[in-house]
Amino acid sequence: MSSTGFDRDLLASFLRNKMNEERISLRKAAELMGTSPATLSRLMNGAASDYVADTSTLSAAANWLKRPLSDFEINKRPSESSLAEVEMHLHALPKITQDDARAMMAVITALYDEKLKRTADKQ
């Protein structure tokens, strides 16, 4: 699979999240993935980087994430979502209580409402 049709920003997000969850450095993550720290850094820049990863690098990243490469196809990301779906995902996070998810959702909703207000004010 070439990186054309590949959602590099989604892959970058998954990589950053896994590193944060496991509290590991870029160097350690690269070692576990079987790639260089420089390559992992370029992957983590997503579409902002001019770097075009080869199939073996993309496969190594997907394997480390325990996800199939097809999860990162450009058409896998929904074109739109709802706050209800965001809340559903928050509730599915490990080690998050119902109260935690509700508190996080209140913050997300407030930020989203503020964004909508700023957008409406500009028009």
PDB file of N, CA and C in Angstrom:
ATOM      1  N   MET A   1       0.844  -1.180   0.000  1.00  0.00           N
ATOM      2  CA  MET A   1       0.000   0.000   0.000  1.00  0.00           C
ATOM      3  C   MET A   1       0.886   1.239   0.000  1.00  0.00           C
ATOM      4  N   SER A   2       0.661   2.142  -0.900  1.00  0.00           N
ATOM      5  CA  SER A   2       1.396   3.405  -0.882  1.00  0.00           C
ATOM      6  C   SER A   2       0.704   4.341   0.096  1.00  0.00           C
ATOM      7  N   SER A   3       1.327   5.473   0.356  1.00  0.00           N
ATOM      8  CA  SER A   3       0.702   6.399   1.292  1.00  0.00           C
ATOM      9  C   SER A   3      -0.409   7.218   0.627  1.00  0.00           C
ATOM     10  N   THR A   4      -0.599   7.069  -0.687  1.00  0.00           N
ATOM     11  CA  THR A   4      -1.723   7.693  -1.355  1.00  0.00           C
ATOM     12  C   THR A   4      -2.978   6.967  -0.902  1.00  0.00           C
ATOM     13  N   GLY A   5      -3.983   7.715  -0.472  1.00  0.00           N
ATOM     14  CA  GLY A   5      -5.186   7.081   0.048  1.00  0.00           C
ATOM     15  C   GLY A   5      -5.019   6.629   1.487  1.00  0.00           C
ATOM     16  N   PHE A   6      -3.919   7.044   2.105  1.00  0.00           N
ATOM     17  CA  PHE A   6      -3.599   6.651   3.470  1.00  0.00           C
ATOM     18  C   PHE A   6      -3.733   7.885   4.359  1.00  0.00           C
ATOM     19  N   ASP A   7      -4.465   7.777   5.446  1.00  0.00           N
ATOM     20  CA  ASP A   7      -4.713   8.902   6.335  1.00  0.00           C
ATOM     21  C   ASP A   7      -3.534   9.063   7.302  1.00  0.00           C
ATOM     22  N   ARG A   8      -2.567   9.862   6.892  1.00  0.00           N
ATOM     23  CA  ARG A   8      -1.340  10.042   7.681  1.00  0.00           C
ATOM     24  C   ARG A   8      -1.607  10.757   8.999  1.00  0.00           C
ATOM     25  N   ASP A   9      -2.587  11.653   9.022  1.00  0.00           N
ATOM     26  CA  ASP A   9      -2.921  12.344  10.270  1.00  0.00           C
ATOM     27  C   ASP A   9      -3.554  11.390  11.279  1.00  0.00           C
ATOM     28  N   LEU A  10      -4.369  10.476  10.801  1.00  0.00           N
ATOM     29  CA  LEU A  10      -4.978   9.493  11.700  1.00  0.00           C
ATOM     30  C   LEU A  10      -3.908   8.577  12.278  1.00  0.00           C
ATOM     31  N   LEU A  11      -2.995   8.114  11.438  1.00  0.00           N
ATOM     32  CA  LEU A  11      -1.895   7.282  11.922  1.00  0.00           C
ATOM     33  C   LEU A  11      -1.080   8.052  12.964  1.00  0.00           C
ATOM     34  N   ALA A  12      -0.761   9.304  12.690  1.00  0.00           N
ATOM     35  CA  ALA A  12       0.010  10.119  13.624  1.00  0.00           C
ATOM     36  C   ALA A  12      -0.707  10.243  14.961  1.00  0.00           C
ATOM     37  N   SER A  13      -2.007  10.436  14.923  1.00  0.00           N
ATOM     38  CA  SER A  13      -2.788  10.544  16.154  1.00  0.00           C
ATOM     39  C   SER A  13      -2.728   9.249  16.965  1.00  0.00           C
ATOM     40  N   PHE A  14      -2.874   8.120  16.300  1.00  0.00           N
ATOM     41  CA  PHE A  14      -2.792   6.828  16.983  1.00  0.00           C
ATOM     42  C   PHE A  14      -1.402   6.611  17.583  1.00  0.00           C
ATOM     43  N   LEU A  15      -0.370   6.987  16.843  1.00  0.00           N
ATOM     44  CA  LEU A  15       0.995   6.829  17.351  1.00  0.00           C
ATOM     45  C   LEU A  15       1.217   7.682  18.596  1.00  0.00           C
ATOM     46  N   ARG A  16       0.824   8.945  18.532  1.00  0.00           N
ATOM     47  CA  ARG A  16       0.984   9.836  19.690  1.00  0.00           C
ATOM     48  C   ARG A  16       0.208   9.317  20.903  1.00  0.00           C
ATOM     49  N   ASN A  17      -1.025   8.869  20.663  1.00  0.00           N
ATOM     50  CA  ASN A  17      -1.842   8.373  21.768  1.00  0.00           C
ATOM     51  C   ASN A  17      -1.236   7.137  22.415  1.00  0.00           C
ATOM     52  N   LYS A  18      -0.726   6.219  21.611  1.00  0.00           N
ATOM     53  CA  LYS A  18      -0.118   5.010  22.179  1.00  0.00           C
ATOM     54  C   LYS A  18       1.129   5.369  22.989  1.00  0.00           C
ATOM     55  N   MET A  19       1.934   6.267  22.469  1.00  0.00           N
ATOM     56  CA  MET A  19       3.125   6.681  23.206  1.00  0.00           C
ATOM     57  C   MET A  19       2.746   7.348  24.527  1.00  0.00           C
ATOM     58  N   ASN A  20       1.708   8.171  24.505  1.00  0.00           N
ATOM     59  CA  ASN A  20       1.240   8.816  25.732  1.00  0.00           C
ATOM     60  C   ASN A  20       0.683   7.801  26.718  1.00  0.00           C
ATOM     61  N   GLU A  21      -0.131   6.876  26.223  1.00  0.00           N
ATOM     62  CA  GLU A  21      -0.718   5.855  27.093  1.00  0.00           C
ATOM     63  C   GLU A  21       0.355   4.997  27.750  1.00  0.00           C
ATOM     64  N   GLU A  22       1.367   4.642  26.990  1.00  0.00           N
ATOM     65  CA  GLU A  22       2.428   3.779  27.508  1.00  0.00           C
ATOM     66  C   GLU A  22       3.553   4.575  28.173  1.00  0.00           C
ATOM     67  N   ARG A  23       3.447   5.915  28.089  1.00  0.00           N
ATOM     68  CA  ARG A  23       4.449   6.805  28.697  1.00  0.00           C
ATOM     69  C   ARG A  23       5.867   6.445  28.249  1.00  0.00           C
ATOM     70  N   ILE A  24       6.007   6.350  26.926  1.00  0.00           N
ATOM     71  CA  ILE A  24       7.318   6.015  26.373  1.00  0.00           C
ATOM     72  C   ILE A  24       7.806   7.127  25.457  1.00  0.00           C
ATOM     73  N   SER A  25       9.108   7.204  25.337  1.00  0.00           N
ATOM     74  CA  SER A  25       9.734   8.225  24.507  1.00  0.00           C
ATOM     75  C   SER A  25       9.636   7.850  23.025  1.00  0.00           C
ATOM     76  N   LEU A  26       9.908   8.824  22.194  1.00  0.00           N
ATOM     77  CA  LEU A  26       9.952   8.585  20.756  1.00  0.00           C
ATOM     78  C   LEU A  26      11.010   7.530  20.435  1.00  0.00           C
ATOM     79  N   ARG A  27      12.153   7.632  21.076  1.00  0.00           N
ATOM     80  CA  ARG A  27      13.239   6.668  20.836  1.00  0.00           C
ATOM     81  C   ARG A  27      12.800   5.243  21.197  1.00  0.00           C
ATOM     82  N   LYS A  28      12.137   5.080  22.341  1.00  0.00           N
ATOM     83  CA  LYS A  28      11.692   3.755  22.778  1.00  0.00           C
ATOM     84  C   LYS A  28      10.595   3.237  21.848  1.00  0.00           C
ATOM     85  N   ALA A  29       9.672   4.099  21.468  1.00  0.00           N
ATOM     86  CA  ALA A  29       8.603   3.691  20.557  1.00  0.00           C
ATOM     87  C   ALA A  29       9.181   3.246  19.217  1.00  0.00           C
ATOM     88  N   ALA A  30      10.154   3.988  18.711  1.00  0.00           N
ATOM     89  CA  ALA A  30      10.790   3.626  17.437  1.00  0.00           C
ATOM     90  C   ALA A  30      11.464   2.262  17.557  1.00  0.00           C
ATOM     91  N   GLU A  31      12.128   2.033  18.679  1.00  0.00           N
ATOM     92  CA  GLU A  31      12.781   0.740  18.906  1.00  0.00           C
ATOM     93  C   GLU A  31      11.745  -0.394  18.908  1.00  0.00           C
ATOM     94  N   LEU A  32      10.639  -0.188  19.613  1.00  0.00           N
ATOM     95  CA  LEU A  32       9.586  -1.213  19.674  1.00  0.00           C
ATOM     96  C   LEU A  32       8.944  -1.440  18.306  1.00  0.00           C
ATOM     97  N   MET A  33       8.851  -0.379  17.514  1.00  0.00           N
ATOM     98  CA  MET A  33       8.251  -0.479  16.189  1.00  0.00           C
ATOM     99  C   MET A  33       9.216  -1.056  15.169  1.00  0.00           C
ATOM    100  N   GLY A  34      10.517  -0.969  15.468  1.00  0.00           N
ATOM    101  CA  GLY A  34      11.516  -1.478  14.539  1.00  0.00           C
ATOM    102  C   GLY A  34      11.884  -0.486  13.462  1.00  0.00           C
ATOM    103  N   THR A  35      11.857   0.790  13.816  1.00  0.00           N
ATOM    104  CA  THR A  35      12.209   1.840  12.871  1.00  0.00           C
ATOM    105  C   THR A  35      13.109   2.853  13.582  1.00  0.00           C
ATOM    106  N   SER A  36      13.598   3.818  12.867  1.00  0.00           N
ATOM    107  CA  SER A  36      14.473   4.820  13.480  1.00  0.00           C
ATOM    108  C   SER A  36      13.619   5.906  14.146  1.00  0.00           C
ATOM    109  N   PRO A  37      14.176   6.587  15.143  1.00  0.00           N
ATOM    110  CA  PRO A  37      13.451   7.711  15.741  1.00  0.00           C
ATOM    111  C   PRO A  37      13.115   8.796  14.712  1.00  0.00           C
ATOM    112  N   ALA A  38      14.002   9.030  13.763  1.00  0.00           N
ATOM    113  CA  ALA A  38      13.733  10.045  12.733  1.00  0.00           C
ATOM    114  C   ALA A  38      12.527   9.663  11.881  1.00  0.00           C
ATOM    115  N   THR A  39      12.440   8.389  11.530  1.00  0.00           N
ATOM    116  CA  THR A  39      11.299   7.932  10.729  1.00  0.00           C
ATOM    117  C   THR A  39      10.004   8.064  11.523  1.00  0.00           C
ATOM    118  N   LEU A  40      10.038   7.658  12.783  1.00  0.00           N
ATOM    119  CA  LEU A  40       8.834   7.779  13.613  1.00  0.00           C
ATOM    120  C   LEU A  40       8.441   9.246  13.765  1.00  0.00           C
ATOM    121  N   SER A  41       9.411  10.108  13.941  1.00  0.00           N
ATOM    122  CA  SER A  41       9.122  11.534  14.047  1.00  0.00           C
ATOM    123  C   SER A  41       8.419  12.048  12.792  1.00  0.00           C
ATOM    124  N   ARG A  42       8.898  11.628  11.633  1.00  0.00           N
ATOM    125  CA  ARG A  42       8.266  12.045  10.376  1.00  0.00           C
ATOM    126  C   ARG A  42       6.843  11.500  10.277  1.00  0.00           C
ATOM    127  N   LEU A  43       6.638  10.248  10.706  1.00  0.00           N
ATOM    128  CA  LEU A  43       5.287   9.677  10.703  1.00  0.00           C
ATOM    129  C   LEU A  43       4.361  10.477  11.619  1.00  0.00           C
ATOM    130  N   MET A  44       4.893  10.903  12.754  1.00  0.00           N
ATOM    131  CA  MET A  44       4.074  11.627  13.725  1.00  0.00           C
ATOM    132  C   MET A  44       3.724  13.041  13.272  1.00  0.00           C
ATOM    133  N   ASN A  45       4.402  13.536  12.246  1.00  0.00           N
ATOM    134  CA  ASN A  45       4.041  14.831  11.671  1.00  0.00           C
ATOM    135  C   ASN A  45       2.851  14.723  10.730  1.00  0.00           C
ATOM    136  N   GLY A  46       2.443  13.506  10.412  1.00  0.00           N
ATOM    137  CA  GLY A  46       1.262  13.300   9.574  1.00  0.00           C
ATOM    138  C   GLY A  46       1.386  13.952   8.214  1.00  0.00           C
ATOM    139  N   ALA A  47       0.285  14.498   7.747  1.00  0.00           N
ATOM    140  CA  ALA A  47       0.236  15.093   6.413  1.00  0.00           C
ATOM    141  C   ALA A  47       1.044  16.385   6.325  1.00  0.00           C
ATOM    142  N   ALA A  48       1.427  16.951   7.474  1.00  0.00           N
ATOM    143  CA  ALA A  48       2.239  18.171   7.457  1.00  0.00           C
ATOM    144  C   ALA A  48       3.661  17.892   6.977  1.00  0.00           C
ATOM    145  N   SER A  49       4.042  16.620   6.967  1.00  0.00           N
ATOM    146  CA  SER A  49       5.380  16.224   6.532  1.00  0.00           C
ATOM    147  C   SER A  49       5.371  15.844   5.056  1.00  0.00           C
ATOM    148  N   ASP A  50       6.478  16.128   4.391  1.00  0.00           N
ATOM    149  CA  ASP A  50       6.620  15.701   2.996  1.00  0.00           C
ATOM    150  C   ASP A  50       7.020  14.234   2.889  1.00  0.00           C
ATOM    151  N   TYR A  51       7.301  13.625   4.013  1.00  0.00           N
ATOM    152  CA  TYR A  51       7.767  12.240   4.059  1.00  0.00           C
ATOM    153  C   TYR A  51       6.696  11.292   3.524  1.00  0.00           C
ATOM    154  N   VAL A  52       7.097  10.415   2.623  1.00  0.00           N
ATOM    155  CA  VAL A  52       6.204   9.380   2.102  1.00  0.00           C
ATOM    156  C   VAL A  52       6.761   8.039   2.549  1.00  0.00           C
ATOM    157  N   ALA A  53       6.078   7.425   3.505  1.00  0.00           N
ATOM    158  CA  ALA A  53       6.538   6.153   4.070  1.00  0.00           C
ATOM    159  C   ALA A  53       6.310   5.013   3.088  1.00  0.00           C
ATOM    160  N   ASP A  54       7.220   4.044   3.112  1.00  0.00           N
ATOM    161  CA  ASP A  54       7.028   2.856   2.283  1.00  0.00           C
ATOM    162  C   ASP A  54       6.117   1.869   3.015  1.00  0.00           C
ATOM    163  N   THR A  55       5.713   0.844   2.309  1.00  0.00           N
ATOM    164  CA  THR A  55       4.767  -0.124   2.854  1.00  0.00           C
ATOM    165  C   THR A  55       5.298  -0.816   4.100  1.00  0.00           C
ATOM    166  N   SER A  56       6.585  -1.130   4.122  1.00  0.00           N
ATOM    167  CA  SER A  56       7.118  -1.830   5.294  1.00  0.00           C
ATOM    168  C   SER A  56       7.092  -0.923   6.532  1.00  0.00           C
ATOM    169  N   THR A  57       7.324   0.359   6.365  1.00  0.00           N
ATOM    170  CA  THR A  57       7.261   1.290   7.490  1.00  0.00           C
ATOM    171  C   THR A  57       5.823   1.448   7.977  1.00  0.00           C
ATOM    172  N   LEU A  58       4.892   1.600   7.042  1.00  0.00           N
ATOM    173  CA  LEU A  58       3.481   1.707   7.421  1.00  0.00           C
ATOM    174  C   LEU A  58       3.007   0.430   8.112  1.00  0.00           C
ATOM    175  N   SER A  59       3.446  -0.713   7.613  1.00  0.00           N
ATOM    176  CA  SER A  59       3.078  -1.994   8.227  1.00  0.00           C
ATOM    177  C   SER A  59       3.647  -2.111   9.633  1.00  0.00           C
ATOM    178  N   ALA A  60       4.894  -1.678   9.818  1.00  0.00           N
ATOM    179  CA  ALA A  60       5.514  -1.730  11.145  1.00  0.00           C
ATOM    180  C   ALA A  60       4.735  -0.861  12.128  1.00  0.00           C
ATOM    181  N   ALA A  61       4.325   0.320  11.691  1.00  0.00           N
ATOM    182  CA  ALA A  61       3.549   1.209  12.559  1.00  0.00           C
ATOM    183  C   ALA A  61       2.194   0.582  12.898  1.00  0.00           C
ATOM    184  N   ALA A  62       1.507   0.072  11.889  1.00  0.00           N
ATOM    185  CA  ALA A  62       0.196  -0.548  12.127  1.00  0.00           C
ATOM    186  C   ALA A  62       0.327  -1.768  13.041  1.00  0.00           C
ATOM    187  N   ASN A  63       1.353  -2.576  12.822  1.00  0.00           N
ATOM    188  CA  ASN A  63       1.564  -3.760  13.681  1.00  0.00           C
ATOM    189  C   ASN A  63       1.808  -3.340  15.120  1.00  0.00           C
ATOM    190  N   TRP A  64       2.625  -2.317  15.330  1.00  0.00           N
ATOM    191  CA  TRP A  64       2.895  -1.846  16.681  1.00  0.00           C
ATOM    192  C   TRP A  64       1.613  -1.355  17.349  1.00  0.00           C
ATOM    193  N   LEU A  65       0.742  -0.759  16.556  1.00  0.00           N
ATOM    194  CA  LEU A  65      -0.537  -0.273  17.068  1.00  0.00           C
ATOM    195  C   LEU A  65      -1.574  -1.392  17.213  1.00  0.00           C
ATOM    196  N   LYS A  66      -1.227  -2.586  16.704  1.00  0.00           N
ATOM    197  CA  LYS A  66      -2.145  -3.743  16.713  1.00  0.00           C
ATOM    198  C   LYS A  66      -3.433  -3.435  15.948  1.00  0.00           C
ATOM    199  N   ARG A  67      -3.232  -2.809  14.769  1.00  0.00           N
ATOM    200  CA  ARG A  67      -4.347  -2.459  13.898  1.00  0.00           C
ATOM    201  C   ARG A  67      -3.981  -2.831  12.470  1.00  0.00           C
ATOM    202  N   PRO A  68      -4.974  -3.215  11.682  1.00  0.00           N
ATOM    203  CA  PRO A  68      -4.679  -3.477  10.269  1.00  0.00           C
ATOM    204  C   PRO A  68      -4.421  -2.169   9.514  1.00  0.00           C
ATOM    205  N   LEU A  69      -3.611  -2.255   8.480  1.00  0.00           N
ATOM    206  CA  LEU A  69      -3.339  -1.064   7.662  1.00  0.00           C
ATOM    207  C   LEU A  69      -4.628  -0.447   7.129  1.00  0.00           C
ATOM    208  N   SER A  70      -5.610  -1.288   6.862  1.00  0.00           N
ATOM    209  CA  SER A  70      -6.866  -0.787   6.291  1.00  0.00           C
ATOM    210  C   SER A  70      -7.584   0.191   7.223  1.00  0.00           C
ATOM    211  N   ASP A  71      -7.270   0.165   8.537  1.00  0.00           N
ATOM    212  CA  ASP A  71      -7.879   1.126   9.466  1.00  0.00           C
ATOM    213  C   ASP A  71      -7.457   2.551   9.159  1.00  0.00           C
ATOM    214  N   PHE A  72      -6.378   2.716   8.404  1.00  0.00           N
ATOM    215  CA  PHE A  72      -5.853   4.044   8.136  1.00  0.00           C
ATOM    216  C   PHE A  72      -6.103   4.501   6.697  1.00  0.00           C
ATOM    217  N   GLU A  73      -6.984   3.818   6.005  1.00  0.00           N
ATOM    218  CA  GLU A  73      -7.352   4.258   4.665  1.00  0.00           C
ATOM    219  C   GLU A  73      -8.107   5.571   4.791  1.00  0.00           C
ATOM    220  N   ILE A  74      -7.891   6.436   3.839  1.00  0.00           N
ATOM    221  CA  ILE A  74      -8.445   7.790   3.885  1.00  0.00           C
ATOM    222  C   ILE A  74      -9.965   7.786   4.022  1.00  0.00           C
ATOM    223  N   ASN A  75     -10.628   6.793   3.464  1.00  0.00           N
ATOM    224  CA  ASN A  75     -12.093   6.760   3.513  1.00  0.00           C
ATOM    225  C   ASN A  75     -12.633   6.163   4.808  1.00  0.00           C
ATOM    226  N   LYS A  76     -11.772   5.761   5.733  1.00  0.00           N
ATOM    227  CA  LYS A  76     -12.223   5.190   7.003  1.00  0.00           C
ATOM    228  C   LYS A  76     -12.647   6.259   8.004  1.00  0.00           C
ATOM    229  N   ARG A  77     -12.099   7.444   7.856  1.00  0.00           N
ATOM    230  CA  ARG A  77     -12.440   8.526   8.784  1.00  0.00           C
ATOM    231  C   ARG A  77     -13.807   9.076   8.394  1.00  0.00           C
ATOM    232  N   PRO A  78     -14.711   9.188   9.361  1.00  0.00           N
ATOM    233  CA  PRO A  78     -16.032   9.722   9.015  1.00  0.00           C
ATOM    234  C   PRO A  78     -15.943  11.166   8.540  1.00  0.00           C
ATOM    235  N   SER A  79     -16.809  11.527   7.616  1.00  0.00           N
ATOM    236  CA  SER A  79     -16.791  12.900   7.115  1.00  0.00           C
ATOM    237  C   SER A  79     -17.388  13.859   8.141  1.00  0.00           C
ATOM    238  N   GLU A  80     -18.241  13.347   9.007  1.00  0.00           N
ATOM    239  CA  GLU A  80     -18.750  14.149  10.117  1.00  0.00           C
ATOM    240  C   GLU A  80     -19.145  13.230  11.249  1.00  0.00           C
ATOM    241  N   SER A  81     -19.297  13.806  12.417  1.00  0.00           N
ATOM    242  CA  SER A  81     -19.620  13.033  13.606  1.00  0.00           C
ATOM    243  C   SER A  81     -20.534  13.883  14.475  1.00  0.00           C
ATOM    244  N   SER A  82     -20.934  13.334  15.598  1.00  0.00           N
ATOM    245  CA  SER A  82     -21.796  14.075  16.518  1.00  0.00           C
ATOM    246  C   SER A  82     -21.195  14.048  17.916  1.00  0.00           C
ATOM    247  N   LEU A  83     -21.652  14.967  18.745  1.00  0.00           N
ATOM    248  CA  LEU A  83     -21.193  14.969  20.127  1.00  0.00           C
ATOM    249  C   LEU A  83     -21.619  13.688  20.847  1.00  0.00           C
ATOM    250  N   ALA A  84     -22.733  13.120  20.456  1.00  0.00           N
ATOM    251  CA  ALA A  84     -23.174  11.854  21.056  1.00  0.00           C
ATOM    252  C   ALA A  84     -22.167  10.745  20.767  1.00  0.00           C
ATOM    253  N   GLU A  85     -21.616  10.744  19.554  1.00  0.00           N
ATOM    254  CA  GLU A  85     -20.613   9.735  19.214  1.00  0.00           C
ATOM    255  C   GLU A  85     -19.311   9.967  19.978  1.00  0.00           C
ATOM    256  N   VAL A  86     -18.955  11.230  20.186  1.00  0.00           N
ATOM    257  CA  VAL A  86     -17.771  11.542  20.979  1.00  0.00           C
ATOM    258  C   VAL A  86     -17.969  11.011  22.396  1.00  0.00           C
ATOM    259  N   GLU A  87     -19.134  11.254  22.955  1.00  0.00           N
ATOM    260  CA  GLU A  87     -19.417  10.779  24.314  1.00  0.00           C
ATOM    261  C   GLU A  87     -19.372   9.257  24.387  1.00  0.00           C
ATOM    262  N   MET A  88     -19.903   8.598  23.382  1.00  0.00           N
ATOM    263  CA  MET A  88     -19.868   7.134  23.346  1.00  0.00           C
ATOM    264  C   MET A  88     -18.421   6.637  23.399  1.00  0.00           C
ATOM    265  N   HIS A  89     -17.544   7.289  22.658  1.00  0.00           N
ATOM    266  CA  HIS A  89     -16.139   6.886  22.651  1.00  0.00           C
ATOM    267  C   HIS A  89     -15.467   7.172  23.989  1.00  0.00           C
ATOM    268  N   LEU A  90     -15.821   8.282  24.622  1.00  0.00           N
ATOM    269  CA  LEU A  90     -15.258   8.588  25.936  1.00  0.00           C
ATOM    270  C   LEU A  90     -15.631   7.499  26.944  1.00  0.00           C
ATOM    271  N   HIS A  91     -16.872   7.052  26.893  1.00  0.00           N
ATOM    272  CA  HIS A  91     -17.318   6.001  27.809  1.00  0.00           C
ATOM    273  C   HIS A  91     -16.597   4.680  27.552  1.00  0.00           C
ATOM    274  N   ALA A  92     -16.106   4.491  26.346  1.00  0.00           N
ATOM    275  CA  ALA A  92     -15.429   3.235  25.999  1.00  0.00           C
ATOM    276  C   ALA A  92     -13.950   3.237  26.377  1.00  0.00           C
ATOM    277  N   LEU A  93     -13.420   4.388  26.776  1.00  0.00           N
ATOM    278  CA  LEU A  93     -12.004   4.449  27.140  1.00  0.00           C
ATOM    279  C   LEU A  93     -11.738   3.633  28.403  1.00  0.00           C
ATOM    280  N   PRO A  94     -10.619   2.908  28.416  1.00  0.00           N
ATOM    281  CA  PRO A  94     -10.294   2.140  29.619  1.00  0.00           C
ATOM    282  C   PRO A  94      -9.951   3.078  30.782  1.00  0.00           C
ATOM    283  N   LYS A  95     -10.295   2.658  31.977  1.00  0.00           N
ATOM    284  CA  LYS A  95      -9.983   3.376  33.224  1.00  0.00           C
ATOM    285  C   LYS A  95     -10.719   4.707  33.346  1.00  0.00           C
ATOM    286  N   ILE A  96     -11.772   4.896  32.572  1.00  0.00           N
ATOM    287  CA  ILE A  96     -12.579   6.110  32.655  1.00  0.00           C
ATOM    288  C   ILE A  96     -13.933   5.731  33.237  1.00  0.00           C
ATOM    289  N   THR A  97     -14.290   6.381  34.344  1.00  0.00           N
ATOM    290  CA  THR A  97     -15.594   6.103  34.953  1.00  0.00           C
ATOM    291  C   THR A  97     -16.680   6.875  34.209  1.00  0.00           C
ATOM    292  N   GLN A  98     -17.907   6.556  34.513  1.00  0.00           N
ATOM    293  CA  GLN A  98     -19.042   7.282  33.916  1.00  0.00           C
ATOM    294  C   GLN A  98     -18.936   8.773  34.255  1.00  0.00           C
ATOM    295  N   ASP A  99     -18.598   9.067  35.519  1.00  0.00           N
ATOM    296  CA  ASP A  99     -18.468  10.466  35.934  1.00  0.00           C
ATOM    297  C   ASP A  99     -17.323  11.165  35.195  1.00  0.00           C
ATOM    298  N   ASP A 100     -16.213  10.443  35.003  1.00  0.00           N
ATOM    299  CA  ASP A 100     -15.091  11.008  34.247  1.00  0.00           C
ATOM    300  C   ASP A 100     -15.534  11.360  32.829  1.00  0.00           C
ATOM    301  N   ALA A 101     -16.217  10.441  32.185  1.00  0.00           N
ATOM    302  CA  ALA A 101     -16.660  10.657  30.801  1.00  0.00           C
ATOM    303  C   ALA A 101     -17.619  11.836  30.722  1.00  0.00           C
ATOM    304  N   ARG A 102     -18.510  11.953  31.692  1.00  0.00           N
ATOM    305  CA  ARG A 102     -19.451  13.082  31.695  1.00  0.00           C
ATOM    306  C   ARG A 102     -18.707  14.412  31.892  1.00  0.00           C
ATOM    307  N   ALA A 103     -17.727  14.418  32.788  1.00  0.00           N
ATOM    308  CA  ALA A 103     -16.952  15.641  33.021  1.00  0.00           C
ATOM    309  C   ALA A 103     -16.175  16.038  31.769  1.00  0.00           C
ATOM    310  N   MET A 104     -15.544  15.058  31.118  1.00  0.00           N
ATOM    311  CA  MET A 104     -14.813  15.348  29.877  1.00  0.00           C
ATOM    312  C   MET A 104     -15.765  15.847  28.807  1.00  0.00           C
ATOM    313  N   MET A 105     -16.940  15.260  28.743  1.00  0.00           N
ATOM    314  CA  MET A 105     -17.917  15.653  27.737  1.00  0.00           C
ATOM    315  C   MET A 105     -18.392  17.083  27.982  1.00  0.00           C
ATOM    316  N   ALA A 106     -18.521  17.477  29.243  1.00  0.00           N
ATOM    317  CA  ALA A 106     -18.929  18.848  29.550  1.00  0.00           C
ATOM    318  C   ALA A 106     -17.886  19.843  29.033  1.00  0.00           C
ATOM    319  N   VAL A 107     -16.613  19.515  29.192  1.00  0.00           N
ATOM    320  CA  VAL A 107     -15.538  20.382  28.696  1.00  0.00           C
ATOM    321  C   VAL A 107     -15.565  20.440  27.171  1.00  0.00           C
ATOM    322  N   ILE A 108     -15.682  19.277  26.533  1.00  0.00           N
ATOM    323  CA  ILE A 108     -15.715  19.219  25.063  1.00  0.00           C
ATOM    324  C   ILE A 108     -16.901  20.016  24.531  1.00  0.00           C
ATOM    325  N   THR A 109     -18.060  19.850  25.150  1.00  0.00           N
ATOM    326  CA  THR A 109     -19.261  20.562  24.711  1.00  0.00           C
ATOM    327  C   THR A 109     -19.079  22.067  24.857  1.00  0.00           C
ATOM    328  N   ALA A 110     -18.499  22.511  25.966  1.00  0.00           N
ATOM    329  CA  ALA A 110     -18.263  23.941  26.171  1.00  0.00           C
ATOM    330  C   ALA A 110     -17.308  24.489  25.108  1.00  0.00           C
ATOM    331  N   LEU A 111     -16.240  23.756  24.819  1.00  0.00           N
ATOM    332  CA  LEU A 111     -15.296  24.186  23.784  1.00  0.00           C
ATOM    333  C   LEU A 111     -15.958  24.222  22.411  1.00  0.00           C
ATOM    334  N   TYR A 112     -16.752  23.220  22.125  1.00  0.00           N
ATOM    335  CA  TYR A 112     -17.441  23.148  20.838  1.00  0.00           C
ATOM    336  C   TYR A 112     -18.433  24.310  20.701  1.00  0.00           C
ATOM    337  N   ASP A 113     -19.192  24.566  21.757  1.00  0.00           N
ATOM    338  CA  ASP A 113     -20.152  25.678  21.727  1.00  0.00           C
ATOM    339  C   ASP A 113     -19.436  27.016  21.529  1.00  0.00           C
ATOM    340  N   GLU A 114     -18.284  27.179  22.191  1.00  0.00           N
ATOM    341  CA  GLU A 114     -17.502  28.407  22.035  1.00  0.00           C
ATOM    342  C   GLU A 114     -17.005  28.558  20.597  1.00  0.00           C
ATOM    343  N   LYS A 115     -16.578  27.471  20.002  1.00  0.00           N
ATOM    344  CA  LYS A 115     -16.123  27.490  18.601  1.00  0.00           C
ATOM    345  C   LYS A 115     -17.275  27.900  17.681  1.00  0.00           C
ATOM    346  N   LEU A 116     -18.451  27.335  17.906  1.00  0.00           N
ATOM    347  CA  LEU A 116     -19.616  27.689  17.083  1.00  0.00           C
ATOM    348  C   LEU A 116     -19.970  29.164  17.251  1.00  0.00           C
ATOM    349  N   LYS A 117     -19.875  29.655  18.473  1.00  0.00           N
ATOM    350  CA  LYS A 117     -20.177  31.064  18.739  1.00  0.00           C
ATOM    351  C   LYS A 117     -19.186  31.971  18.014  1.00  0.00           C
ATOM    352  N   ARG A 118     -17.887  31.643  18.078  1.00  0.00           N
ATOM    353  CA  ARG A 118     -16.874  32.460  17.381  1.00  0.00           C
ATOM    354  C   ARG A 118     -17.111  32.448  15.879  1.00  0.00           C
ATOM    355  N   THR A 119     -17.470  31.289  15.345  1.00  0.00           N
ATOM    356  CA  THR A 119     -17.734  31.179  13.907  1.00  0.00           C
ATOM    357  C   THR A 119     -18.946  32.031  13.519  1.00  0.00           C
ATOM    358  N   ALA A 120     -20.010  31.999  14.346  1.00  0.00           N
ATOM    359  CA  ALA A 120     -21.208  32.772  14.061  1.00  0.00           C
ATOM    360  C   ALA A 120     -20.922  34.264  14.166  1.00  0.00           C
ATOM    361  N   ASP A 121     -20.067  34.660  15.125  1.00  0.00           N
ATOM    362  CA  ASP A 121     -19.718  36.081  15.297  1.00  0.00           C
ATOM    363  C   ASP A 121     -18.960  36.636  14.103  1.00  0.00           C
ATOM    364  N   LYS A 122     -18.209  35.798  13.397  1.00  0.00           N
ATOM    365  CA  LYS A 122     -17.425  36.227  12.243  1.00  0.00           C
ATOM    366  C   LYS A 122     -18.297  36.449  11.014  1.00  0.00           C
ATOM    367  N   GLN A 123     -19.492  35.882  11.037  1.00  0.00           N
ATOM    368  CA  GLN A 123     -20.350  35.975   9.848  1.00  0.00           C
ATOM    369  C   GLN A 123     -21.235  37.168   9.880  1.00  0.00           C
TER     370      GLN A 123
END
